Amino acid sequence: MSQISLTFPDGNKRDYAAGITAAEVASDISTSLGKKAISATVNGAHYDLQWPIDADATIAINTIKDTEPALELVRHDLAHIMARAVQEIWPDVKVTIGPVINNGWYYDFDRKEPFTP
């Protein structure tokens, strides 16, 4: 398997086998980072930790403390979880839109009766 070179935000570089995941990179840096990592920014694009990296790249490992983009990822996932829970409780509900916003997220639902009186 061929080798790739990953460049980190501090300018340091490390070589890895092509196809390594961001999760594996994070764990290689430190066990602690491997446990805290929730996403990665590779060449400026946001990816989940299992995405394979096949070529030389710049990489930043994101934790929950990184407001962008890690917090956005968590908010996005939570919006989907909330929408699914609402559909479990009220099967007739139609999910419309649920974007991430600056201070959280919201979802609009289409339902004949309001959720609250």
Protein backbone atom coordinates (compact mmCIF):
# COMPACT_ATOMS: atom_id res chain seq x y z
CA MET A 1 0.00 0.00 0.00
CA SER A 2 1.30 3.47 -0.82
CA GLN A 3 2.26 6.11 1.73
CA ILE A 4 0.62 9.51 2.14
CA SER A 5 1.79 12.57 4.04
CA LEU A 6 -0.61 14.38 6.37
CA THR A 7 0.07 17.95 7.45
CA PHE A 8 -1.37 19.12 10.77
CA PRO A 9 -2.42 22.66 11.77
CA ASP A 10 0.90 23.23 13.59
CA GLY A 11 2.82 22.42 10.39
CA ASN A 12 4.04 19.00 11.54
CA LYS A 13 3.81 16.18 9.02
CA ARG A 14 3.39 12.44 9.48
CA ASP A 15 3.38 9.64 6.94
CA TYR A 16 0.68 6.97 6.93
CA ALA A 17 -0.57 4.19 4.70
CA ALA A 18 -3.07 5.41 2.11
CA GLY A 19 -6.61 4.69 3.23
CA ILE A 20 -6.03 5.47 6.90
CA THR A 21 -9.04 6.97 8.65
CA ALA A 22 -9.11 10.16 10.69
CA ALA A 23 -10.03 8.02 13.71
CA GLU A 24 -6.82 6.04 13.29
CA VAL A 25 -4.81 9.24 12.86
CA ALA A 26 -6.33 10.74 16.02
CA SER A 27 -5.55 7.60 18.04
CA ASP A 28 -2.01 7.54 16.65
CA ILE A 29 -1.45 11.10 17.87
CA SER A 30 -2.70 10.21 21.35
CA THR A 31 -5.14 7.85 23.01
CA SER A 32 -6.85 10.85 24.57
CA LEU A 33 -7.40 12.57 21.21
CA GLY A 34 -8.66 9.30 19.75
CA LYS A 35 -11.36 9.20 22.42
CA LYS A 36 -12.30 12.89 22.12
CA ALA A 37 -12.33 13.15 18.31
CA ILE A 38 -15.72 13.51 16.66
CA SER A 39 -14.84 14.60 13.10
CA ALA A 40 -11.98 15.78 10.92
CA THR A 41 -11.32 18.60 8.50
CA VAL A 42 -9.37 17.26 5.53
CA ASN A 43 -8.20 19.74 2.90
CA GLY A 44 -10.76 22.20 4.25
CA ALA A 45 -13.74 19.83 3.99
CA HIS A 46 -15.56 18.28 6.95
CA TYR A 47 -15.63 14.46 7.21
CA ASP A 48 -16.65 11.82 9.71
CA LEU A 49 -13.88 9.88 11.41
CA GLN A 50 -14.27 6.74 9.28
CA TRP A 51 -13.68 8.45 5.94
CA PRO A 52 -10.50 7.01 4.33
CA ILE A 53 -7.75 9.45 3.40
CA ASP A 54 -6.14 8.27 0.16
CA ALA A 55 -3.78 11.12 -0.76
CA ASP A 56 -1.50 13.73 0.79
CA ALA A 57 -3.64 16.21 2.72
CA THR A 58 -3.92 18.79 5.43
CA ILE A 59 -5.87 17.49 8.41
CA ALA A 60 -7.29 18.82 11.65
CA ILE A 61 -8.92 16.51 14.18
CA ASN A 62 -12.03 18.11 15.69
CA THR A 63 -13.33 17.61 19.22
CA ILE A 64 -16.51 18.92 20.83
CA LYS A 65 -14.51 21.96 21.99
CA ASP A 66 -14.07 23.07 18.37
CA THR A 67 -17.14 25.21 17.81
CA GLU A 68 -16.83 24.87 14.07
CA PRO A 69 -17.27 22.33 12.59
CA ALA A 70 -17.59 19.73 15.36
CA LEU A 71 -20.40 21.41 17.26
CA GLU A 72 -22.33 21.84 14.02
CA LEU A 73 -22.00 18.10 13.39
CA VAL A 74 -23.36 17.25 16.84
CA ARG A 75 -26.26 19.69 16.42
CA HIS A 76 -27.07 18.23 13.01
CA ASP A 77 -27.16 14.70 14.41
CA LEU A 78 -29.30 15.77 17.37
CA ALA A 79 -31.80 17.42 15.03
CA HIS A 80 -32.22 14.11 13.19
CA ILE A 81 -32.60 12.21 16.47
CA MET A 82 -35.28 14.67 17.62
CA ALA A 83 -37.14 14.37 14.31
CA ARG A 84 -37.11 10.58 14.56
CA ALA A 85 -38.39 10.70 18.15
CA VAL A 86 -41.25 13.00 17.14
CA GLN A 87 -42.19 10.60 14.33
CA GLU A 88 -42.17 7.69 16.78
CA ILE A 89 -44.58 9.51 19.12
CA TRP A 90 -46.76 11.05 16.37
CA PRO A 91 -46.57 8.81 13.27
CA ASP A 92 -48.77 11.19 11.24
CA VAL A 93 -46.23 14.03 11.49
CA LYS A 94 -44.46 15.12 8.33
CA VAL A 95 -40.90 16.35 8.80
CA THR A 96 -40.25 19.54 6.84
CA ILE A 97 -37.01 21.38 7.61
CA GLY A 98 -34.53 21.19 10.47
CA PRO A 99 -31.39 23.25 10.06
CA VAL A 100 -28.56 23.95 12.44
CA ILE A 101 -28.51 27.59 13.53
CA ASN A 102 -26.01 29.71 15.49
CA ASN A 103 -27.23 28.69 18.94
CA GLY A 104 -28.64 25.20 18.31
CA TRP A 105 -31.12 23.74 15.85
CA TYR A 106 -34.83 23.52 15.19
CA TYR A 107 -37.26 21.43 13.21
CA ASP A 108 -40.52 22.39 11.57
CA PHE A 109 -43.18 19.70 11.41
CA ASP A 110 -46.43 19.50 9.46
CA ARG A 111 -49.25 18.22 11.67
CA LYS A 112 -53.01 18.89 11.73
CA GLU A 113 -53.10 19.40 15.50
CA PRO A 114 -50.52 21.52 17.34
CA PHE A 115 -48.13 19.76 19.70
CA THR A 116 -49.25 22.03 22.53
CA PRO A 117 -52.69 23.50 23.26
